[in-house]
Every structure is written in C-alpha cells, then in structure tokens.
C-alpha cells in the first residue's frame, strides 16, 4: 500500500484513466516472487507434499488464458464461414461465461486447498524431501 502511494506521488496518475503508475509496486512484487515461491515450496515439502503443487493455481490461470484465446480464434474463424455471424455470438457468450464460472470455482477450490496444505503441521522427522526446517 505504501508503494502504491509512493508510485502515485512520484509518477503521478494517468489523466485519462485516473489510475496511478505501478512502477515501484511491480518491482517489489517481482523482487519477492522467488523468495515467496521458495518458502511455499519448502513448506509443502515439510508437510510431505511435492513443491510443484504450489504452481497449480498459476498453471490453471495460464491454461485458461490459452483456452479462452483459442475459443476466440475458433469462433472468429467460424464467423468468417457463416452467412449469419450474429447467430454464433449467443453460443460463444454462453460458452465463455460458463468457462469463466467453472474456472473461477476451480481457482477458488485450488486456493482453499493450497491454504489448507500450507497451514498443516510439518511431518514428524524426515520425509522423502529431507528433514523439516524449523
């Protein structure tokens, strides 16, 4: 929050949108990304789970992006070959909204599951990933 205020003070706001620049906030987020991933990875290992589980929410988001872009491209091609392209807009919208709802629910479930896994007690003694970190 402090960096957002500093961004606005130092870099100002866009007169058209009224939004402030996010230079310092973005640099901070990039600076803490690797340490946060490392801590979460280690925490999952302490609970006996593979660290790559930490990447599941991000993988779902990236997959969703590519599927949605593919759907847009698919329906664009279909519109080119039909006499009434407006007839495809309804089904495209239904598919898009349904996909967004399903992915949102999956993302929520994955987020809750990740919080659950990260808050579990460490396994006693060594596991397949080594000794737990105190």
N, C-alpha and C. Protein backbone atom coordinates (compact mmCIF):
# COMPACT_ATOMS: atom_id res chain seq x y z
N UNK A 1 0.83 -1.18 0.00
CA UNK A 1 0.00 0.00 0.00
C UNK A 1 0.88 1.25 0.00
N UNK A 2 1.98 1.18 0.77
CA UNK A 2 2.88 2.34 0.82
C UNK A 2 3.52 2.57 -0.55
N UNK A 3 3.89 1.50 -1.23
CA UNK A 3 4.49 1.66 -2.55
C UNK A 3 3.48 2.20 -3.57
N UNK A 4 2.23 1.84 -3.43
CA UNK A 4 1.19 2.39 -4.32
C UNK A 4 1.06 3.89 -4.13
N UNK A 5 1.14 4.33 -2.88
CA UNK A 5 1.08 5.77 -2.60
C UNK A 5 2.32 6.46 -3.16
N UNK A 6 3.50 5.86 -2.95
CA UNK A 6 4.73 6.43 -3.50
C UNK A 6 4.69 6.48 -5.03
N UNK A 7 4.15 5.43 -5.64
CA UNK A 7 4.01 5.42 -7.10
C UNK A 7 3.20 6.63 -7.56
N UNK A 8 2.09 6.88 -6.89
CA UNK A 8 1.23 8.00 -7.27
C UNK A 8 1.93 9.33 -7.05
N UNK A 9 2.65 9.46 -5.94
CA UNK A 9 3.36 10.71 -5.64
C UNK A 9 4.48 10.95 -6.64
N UNK A 10 5.28 9.91 -6.90
CA UNK A 10 6.46 10.08 -7.75
C UNK A 10 6.09 10.13 -9.23
N UNK A 11 5.25 9.19 -9.68
CA UNK A 11 4.97 9.06 -11.10
C UNK A 11 3.65 9.67 -11.54
N UNK A 12 2.83 10.08 -10.58
CA UNK A 12 1.56 10.73 -10.92
C UNK A 12 0.51 9.74 -11.39
N UNK A 13 -0.57 10.29 -11.90
CA UNK A 13 -1.66 9.47 -12.41
C UNK A 13 -1.89 9.76 -13.88
N UNK A 14 -2.50 8.81 -14.55
CA UNK A 14 -2.86 8.98 -15.95
C UNK A 14 -4.09 9.88 -16.00
N UNK A 15 -4.02 11.01 -16.69
CA UNK A 15 -5.16 11.93 -16.71
C UNK A 15 -6.41 11.34 -17.37
N UNK A 16 -6.25 10.41 -18.29
CA UNK A 16 -7.40 9.82 -18.98
C UNK A 16 -8.12 8.80 -18.11
N UNK A 17 -7.35 7.94 -17.41
CA UNK A 17 -7.97 6.87 -16.63
C UNK A 17 -8.05 7.20 -15.14
N UNK A 18 -7.20 8.11 -14.67
CA UNK A 18 -7.18 8.44 -13.25
C UNK A 18 -6.43 7.43 -12.40
N UNK A 19 -5.83 6.44 -13.04
CA UNK A 19 -5.07 5.42 -12.31
C UNK A 19 -3.61 5.83 -12.19
N UNK A 20 -3.03 5.46 -11.05
CA UNK A 20 -1.63 5.76 -10.82
C UNK A 20 -0.73 4.75 -11.50
N UNK A 21 0.51 5.15 -11.70
CA UNK A 21 1.51 4.25 -12.24
C UNK A 21 1.87 3.23 -11.17
N UNK A 22 2.26 2.04 -11.58
CA UNK A 22 2.58 0.98 -10.62
C UNK A 22 4.01 0.48 -10.80
N UNK A 23 4.93 1.38 -10.96
CA UNK A 23 6.33 1.00 -11.20
C UNK A 23 6.93 0.36 -9.96
N UNK A 24 6.91 1.07 -8.84
CA UNK A 24 7.53 0.55 -7.62
C UNK A 24 6.82 -0.69 -7.11
N UNK A 25 5.51 -0.72 -7.19
CA UNK A 25 4.75 -1.89 -6.75
C UNK A 25 5.12 -3.12 -7.58
N UNK A 26 5.26 -2.94 -8.88
CA UNK A 26 5.62 -4.06 -9.76
C UNK A 26 7.03 -4.57 -9.47
N UNK A 27 7.96 -3.65 -9.25
CA UNK A 27 9.34 -4.05 -8.93
C UNK A 27 9.36 -4.83 -7.62
N UNK A 28 8.60 -4.37 -6.63
CA UNK A 28 8.54 -5.07 -5.34
C UNK A 28 7.95 -6.47 -5.51
N UNK A 29 6.88 -6.59 -6.29
CA UNK A 29 6.26 -7.90 -6.50
C UNK A 29 7.22 -8.86 -7.19
N UNK A 30 7.97 -8.38 -8.17
CA UNK A 30 8.96 -9.23 -8.81
C UNK A 30 10.08 -9.61 -7.85
N UNK A 31 10.47 -8.69 -6.98
CA UNK A 31 11.56 -8.95 -6.04
C UNK A 31 11.19 -10.01 -5.00
N UNK A 32 9.92 -10.08 -4.61
CA UNK A 32 9.52 -11.05 -3.59
C UNK A 32 8.96 -12.34 -4.18
N UNK A 33 8.81 -12.44 -5.50
CA UNK A 33 8.22 -13.62 -6.11
C UNK A 33 9.04 -14.88 -5.83
N UNK A 34 10.33 -14.85 -6.12
CA UNK A 34 11.17 -16.04 -5.94
C UNK A 34 11.26 -16.43 -4.46
N UNK A 35 11.52 -15.51 -3.52
CA UNK A 35 11.55 -15.92 -2.11
C UNK A 35 10.22 -16.49 -1.62
N UNK A 36 9.10 -15.94 -2.09
CA UNK A 36 7.79 -16.47 -1.68
C UNK A 36 7.57 -17.88 -2.24
N UNK A 37 7.94 -18.09 -3.50
CA UNK A 37 7.84 -19.42 -4.07
C UNK A 37 8.74 -20.42 -3.34
N UNK A 38 9.95 -19.99 -2.98
CA UNK A 38 10.87 -20.87 -2.27
C UNK A 38 10.33 -21.24 -0.89
N UNK A 39 9.77 -20.26 -0.19
CA UNK A 39 9.21 -20.54 1.14
C UNK A 39 8.01 -21.47 1.06
N UNK A 40 7.13 -21.24 0.09
CA UNK A 40 5.98 -22.12 -0.08
C UNK A 40 6.39 -23.52 -0.50
N UNK A 41 7.39 -23.60 -1.39
CA UNK A 41 7.90 -24.89 -1.86
C UNK A 41 8.45 -25.68 -0.67
N UNK A 42 9.26 -25.01 0.15
CA UNK A 42 9.84 -25.66 1.34
C UNK A 42 8.75 -26.07 2.32
N UNK A 43 7.75 -25.23 2.48
CA UNK A 43 6.65 -25.53 3.40
C UNK A 43 5.89 -26.77 2.95
N UNK A 44 5.61 -26.87 1.64
CA UNK A 44 4.94 -28.06 1.13
C UNK A 44 5.80 -29.30 1.33
N UNK A 45 7.11 -29.18 1.14
CA UNK A 45 8.00 -30.31 1.39
C UNK A 45 7.97 -30.71 2.87
N UNK A 46 7.89 -29.74 3.75
CA UNK A 46 7.82 -30.05 5.19
C UNK A 46 6.57 -30.84 5.54
N UNK A 47 5.49 -30.64 4.77
CA UNK A 47 4.26 -31.37 5.04
C UNK A 47 4.18 -32.67 4.23
N UNK A 48 5.23 -32.99 3.49
CA UNK A 48 5.29 -34.24 2.74
C UNK A 48 4.66 -34.19 1.36
N UNK A 49 4.43 -33.00 0.83
CA UNK A 49 3.84 -32.85 -0.49
C UNK A 49 4.87 -32.28 -1.47
N UNK A 50 4.72 -32.60 -2.75
CA UNK A 50 5.65 -32.04 -3.74
C UNK A 50 5.51 -30.51 -3.83
N UNK A 51 6.61 -29.83 -3.99
CA UNK A 51 6.59 -28.38 -4.07
C UNK A 51 5.91 -27.83 -5.30
N UNK A 52 5.90 -28.61 -6.39
CA UNK A 52 5.30 -28.10 -7.62
C UNK A 52 3.79 -27.92 -7.47
N UNK A 53 3.17 -28.47 -6.43
CA UNK A 53 1.75 -28.21 -6.19
C UNK A 53 1.49 -26.72 -6.03
N UNK A 54 2.50 -25.98 -5.59
CA UNK A 54 2.37 -24.54 -5.41
C UNK A 54 2.08 -23.83 -6.74
N UNK A 55 2.45 -24.46 -7.84
CA UNK A 55 2.26 -23.86 -9.16
C UNK A 55 0.91 -24.18 -9.79
N UNK A 56 0.09 -25.01 -9.15
CA UNK A 56 -1.19 -25.41 -9.72
C UNK A 56 -2.12 -24.23 -10.01
N UNK A 57 -2.34 -23.29 -9.08
CA UNK A 57 -3.22 -22.15 -9.41
C UNK A 57 -2.71 -21.34 -10.60
N UNK A 58 -1.40 -21.14 -10.67
CA UNK A 58 -0.84 -20.38 -11.79
C UNK A 58 -0.99 -21.16 -13.09
N UNK A 59 -0.78 -22.48 -13.05
CA UNK A 59 -0.94 -23.30 -14.25
C UNK A 59 -2.38 -23.27 -14.74
N UNK A 60 -3.33 -23.29 -13.83
CA UNK A 60 -4.74 -23.20 -14.22
C UNK A 60 -5.03 -21.86 -14.89
N UNK A 61 -4.47 -20.79 -14.36
CA UNK A 61 -4.69 -19.46 -14.95
C UNK A 61 -4.09 -19.37 -16.35
N UNK A 62 -2.89 -19.88 -16.53
CA UNK A 62 -2.24 -19.82 -17.85
C UNK A 62 -2.99 -20.69 -18.85
N UNK A 63 -3.41 -21.89 -18.42
CA UNK A 63 -4.18 -22.77 -19.30
C UNK A 63 -5.50 -22.10 -19.70
N UNK A 64 -6.15 -21.46 -18.74
CA UNK A 64 -7.41 -20.77 -19.03
C UNK A 64 -7.20 -19.67 -20.06
N UNK A 65 -6.12 -18.93 -19.92
CA UNK A 65 -5.81 -17.87 -20.88
C UNK A 65 -5.71 -18.42 -22.29
N UNK A 66 -4.95 -19.51 -22.46
CA UNK A 66 -4.77 -20.08 -23.78
C UNK A 66 -6.07 -20.69 -24.33
N UNK A 67 -6.86 -21.32 -23.48
CA UNK A 67 -8.14 -21.88 -23.93
C UNK A 67 -9.09 -20.77 -24.35
N UNK A 68 -9.14 -19.69 -23.57
CA UNK A 68 -10.03 -18.58 -23.93
C UNK A 68 -9.59 -17.92 -25.24
N UNK A 69 -8.29 -17.71 -25.40
CA UNK A 69 -7.81 -17.13 -26.66
C UNK A 69 -8.08 -18.07 -27.83
N UNK A 70 -7.92 -19.37 -27.60
CA UNK A 70 -8.24 -20.36 -28.63
C UNK A 70 -9.72 -20.33 -28.99
N UNK A 71 -10.57 -20.17 -28.00
CA UNK A 71 -12.01 -20.09 -28.25
C UNK A 71 -12.37 -18.86 -29.07
N UNK A 72 -11.74 -17.75 -28.76
CA UNK A 72 -11.98 -16.52 -29.53
C UNK A 72 -11.54 -16.73 -30.98
N UNK A 73 -10.37 -17.33 -31.16
CA UNK A 73 -9.88 -17.58 -32.52
C UNK A 73 -10.80 -18.56 -33.25
N UNK A 74 -11.25 -19.60 -32.55
CA UNK A 74 -12.14 -20.59 -33.16
C UNK A 74 -13.44 -19.96 -33.63
N UNK A 75 -14.08 -19.16 -32.76
CA UNK A 75 -15.34 -18.54 -33.14
C UNK A 75 -15.13 -17.46 -34.21
N UNK A 76 -13.97 -16.83 -34.25
CA UNK A 76 -13.68 -15.86 -35.31
C UNK A 76 -13.62 -16.56 -36.66
N UNK A 77 -12.98 -17.73 -36.69
CA UNK A 77 -12.92 -18.50 -37.93
C UNK A 77 -14.31 -18.96 -38.34
N UNK A 78 -15.11 -19.42 -37.37
CA UNK A 78 -16.48 -19.84 -37.68
C UNK A 78 -17.32 -18.70 -38.23
N UNK A 79 -17.12 -17.49 -37.68
CA UNK A 79 -17.87 -16.33 -38.16
C UNK A 79 -17.55 -16.00 -39.61
N UNK A 80 -16.32 -16.27 -40.02
CA UNK A 80 -15.92 -15.97 -41.39
C UNK A 80 -16.65 -16.87 -42.39
N UNK A 81 -16.96 -18.11 -41.97
CA UNK A 81 -17.55 -19.07 -42.91
C UNK A 81 -19.06 -19.18 -42.84
N UNK A 82 -19.72 -18.33 -42.11
CA UNK A 82 -21.17 -18.42 -41.99
C UNK A 82 -21.83 -17.18 -42.56
N UNK A 83 -23.08 -17.35 -42.99
CA UNK A 83 -23.81 -16.22 -43.55
C UNK A 83 -24.33 -15.28 -42.47
N UNK A 84 -24.61 -15.82 -41.29
CA UNK A 84 -25.15 -15.01 -40.20
C UNK A 84 -24.23 -15.12 -38.98
N UNK A 85 -23.18 -14.30 -38.93
CA UNK A 85 -22.23 -14.41 -37.81
C UNK A 85 -22.86 -14.03 -36.46
N UNK A 86 -23.93 -13.25 -36.49
CA UNK A 86 -24.58 -12.88 -35.22
C UNK A 86 -25.19 -14.08 -34.52
N UNK A 87 -25.51 -15.13 -35.26
CA UNK A 87 -26.10 -16.32 -34.67
C UNK A 87 -25.09 -17.05 -33.78
N UNK A 88 -23.82 -16.84 -34.01
CA UNK A 88 -22.79 -17.52 -33.21
C UNK A 88 -22.45 -16.77 -31.93
N UNK A 89 -22.83 -15.53 -31.82
CA UNK A 89 -22.44 -14.73 -30.66
C UNK A 89 -23.08 -15.23 -29.38
N UNK A 90 -24.33 -15.68 -29.44
CA UNK A 90 -25.00 -16.21 -28.26
C UNK A 90 -24.31 -17.46 -27.72
N UNK A 91 -24.11 -18.49 -28.58
CA UNK A 91 -23.39 -19.68 -28.09
C UNK A 91 -21.97 -19.37 -27.61
N UNK A 92 -21.29 -18.46 -28.29
CA UNK A 92 -19.94 -18.09 -27.87
C UNK A 92 -19.96 -17.45 -26.49
N UNK A 93 -20.93 -16.58 -26.26
CA UNK A 93 -21.03 -15.93 -24.95
C UNK A 93 -21.37 -16.93 -23.86
N UNK A 94 -22.28 -17.86 -24.15
CA UNK A 94 -22.64 -18.88 -23.16
C UNK A 94 -21.43 -19.75 -22.82
N UNK A 95 -20.71 -20.18 -23.85
CA UNK A 95 -19.51 -20.99 -23.60
C UNK A 95 -18.47 -20.21 -22.81
N UNK A 96 -18.27 -18.96 -23.17
CA UNK A 96 -17.29 -18.14 -22.47
C UNK A 96 -17.64 -17.92 -21.02
N UNK A 97 -18.89 -17.56 -20.75
CA UNK A 97 -19.31 -17.31 -19.37
C UNK A 97 -19.27 -18.60 -18.56
N UNK A 98 -19.72 -19.71 -19.15
CA UNK A 98 -19.67 -21.00 -18.46
C UNK A 98 -18.23 -21.36 -18.12
N UNK A 99 -17.34 -21.17 -19.08
CA UNK A 99 -15.93 -21.46 -18.83
C UNK A 99 -15.35 -20.61 -17.72
N UNK A 100 -15.68 -19.33 -17.71
CA UNK A 100 -15.18 -18.44 -16.67
C UNK A 100 -15.71 -18.85 -15.31
N UNK A 101 -16.99 -19.23 -15.23
CA UNK A 101 -17.57 -19.66 -13.95
C UNK A 101 -16.90 -20.94 -13.46
N UNK A 102 -16.72 -21.92 -14.36
CA UNK A 102 -16.09 -23.18 -13.97
C UNK A 102 -14.66 -22.95 -13.49
N UNK A 103 -13.90 -22.15 -14.24
CA UNK A 103 -12.51 -21.89 -13.86
C UNK A 103 -12.45 -21.09 -12.56
N UNK A 104 -13.37 -20.18 -12.36
CA UNK A 104 -13.38 -19.41 -11.10
C UNK A 104 -13.62 -20.33 -9.91
N UNK A 105 -14.55 -21.27 -10.06
CA UNK A 105 -14.80 -22.22 -8.97
C UNK A 105 -13.57 -23.10 -8.74
N UNK A 106 -12.95 -23.59 -9.82
CA UNK A 106 -11.73 -24.38 -9.67
C UNK A 106 -10.62 -23.59 -9.01
N UNK A 107 -10.48 -22.33 -9.40
CA UNK A 107 -9.44 -21.48 -8.81
C UNK A 107 -9.70 -21.27 -7.32
N UNK A 108 -10.95 -21.08 -6.94
CA UNK A 108 -11.31 -20.93 -5.53
C UNK A 108 -10.99 -22.20 -4.76
N UNK A 109 -11.37 -23.35 -5.31
CA UNK A 109 -11.09 -24.63 -4.65
C UNK A 109 -9.58 -24.84 -4.52
N UNK A 110 -8.83 -24.56 -5.58
CA UNK A 110 -7.37 -24.71 -5.52
C UNK A 110 -6.76 -23.77 -4.49
N UNK A 111 -7.25 -22.56 -4.40
CA UNK A 111 -6.72 -21.60 -3.43
C UNK A 111 -6.99 -22.05 -1.99
N UNK A 112 -8.20 -22.53 -1.75
CA UNK A 112 -8.52 -23.03 -0.40
C UNK A 112 -7.68 -24.26 -0.09
N UNK A 113 -7.53 -25.16 -1.06
CA UNK A 113 -6.70 -26.35 -0.86
C UNK A 113 -5.25 -25.96 -0.58
N UNK A 114 -4.75 -24.95 -1.30
CA UNK A 114 -3.36 -24.51 -1.08
C UNK A 114 -3.20 -23.93 0.32
N UNK A 115 -4.15 -23.14 0.76
CA UNK A 115 -4.08 -22.60 2.13
C UNK A 115 -4.12 -23.73 3.13
N UNK A 116 -4.96 -24.72 2.89
CA UNK A 116 -5.05 -25.89 3.79
C UNK A 116 -3.71 -26.60 3.86
N UNK A 117 -3.11 -26.89 2.68
CA UNK A 117 -1.83 -27.60 2.67
C UNK A 117 -0.73 -26.80 3.35
N UNK A 118 -0.69 -25.50 3.10
CA UNK A 118 0.39 -24.69 3.66
C UNK A 118 0.25 -24.48 5.17
N UNK A 119 -0.94 -24.68 5.71
CA UNK A 119 -1.13 -24.47 7.15
C UNK A 119 -1.11 -25.77 7.94
N UNK A 120 -0.90 -26.89 7.31
CA UNK A 120 -0.81 -28.17 8.02
C UNK A 120 0.50 -28.26 8.78
N UNK A 121 0.50 -28.98 9.90
CA UNK A 121 1.75 -29.15 10.65
C UNK A 121 2.77 -29.96 9.84
N UNK A 122 4.03 -29.71 10.12
CA UNK A 122 5.09 -30.46 9.46
C UNK A 122 5.04 -31.92 9.89
N UNK A 123 5.53 -32.78 9.00
CA UNK A 123 5.63 -34.19 9.36
C UNK A 123 6.72 -34.35 10.41
N UNK A 124 6.49 -35.26 11.32
CA UNK A 124 7.50 -35.55 12.34
C UNK A 124 8.70 -36.22 11.68
N UNK A 125 9.89 -35.74 11.99
CA UNK A 125 11.11 -36.35 11.46
C UNK A 125 11.27 -36.12 9.97
N UNK A 126 12.15 -36.92 9.38
CA UNK A 126 12.46 -36.77 7.97
C UNK A 126 11.37 -37.40 7.11
N UNK A 127 11.16 -36.82 5.94
CA UNK A 127 10.28 -37.42 4.94
C UNK A 127 11.08 -37.59 3.66
N UNK A 128 10.42 -37.88 2.55
CA UNK A 128 11.15 -38.12 1.30
C UNK A 128 11.89 -36.88 0.79
N UNK A 129 11.60 -35.70 1.37
CA UNK A 129 12.25 -34.46 0.96
C UNK A 129 13.33 -34.02 1.93
N UNK A 130 13.57 -34.77 2.98
CA UNK A 130 14.60 -34.45 3.95
C UNK A 130 14.03 -34.05 5.28
N UNK A 131 14.88 -33.49 6.12
CA UNK A 131 14.48 -33.04 7.45
C UNK A 131 13.62 -31.78 7.35
N UNK A 132 12.61 -31.63 8.21
CA UNK A 132 11.82 -30.39 8.20
C UNK A 132 12.66 -29.22 8.69
N UNK A 133 12.38 -28.05 8.13
CA UNK A 133 13.08 -26.83 8.51
C UNK A 133 12.33 -26.22 9.68
N UNK A 134 13.05 -25.86 10.73
CA UNK A 134 12.40 -25.28 11.92
C UNK A 134 12.18 -23.81 11.76
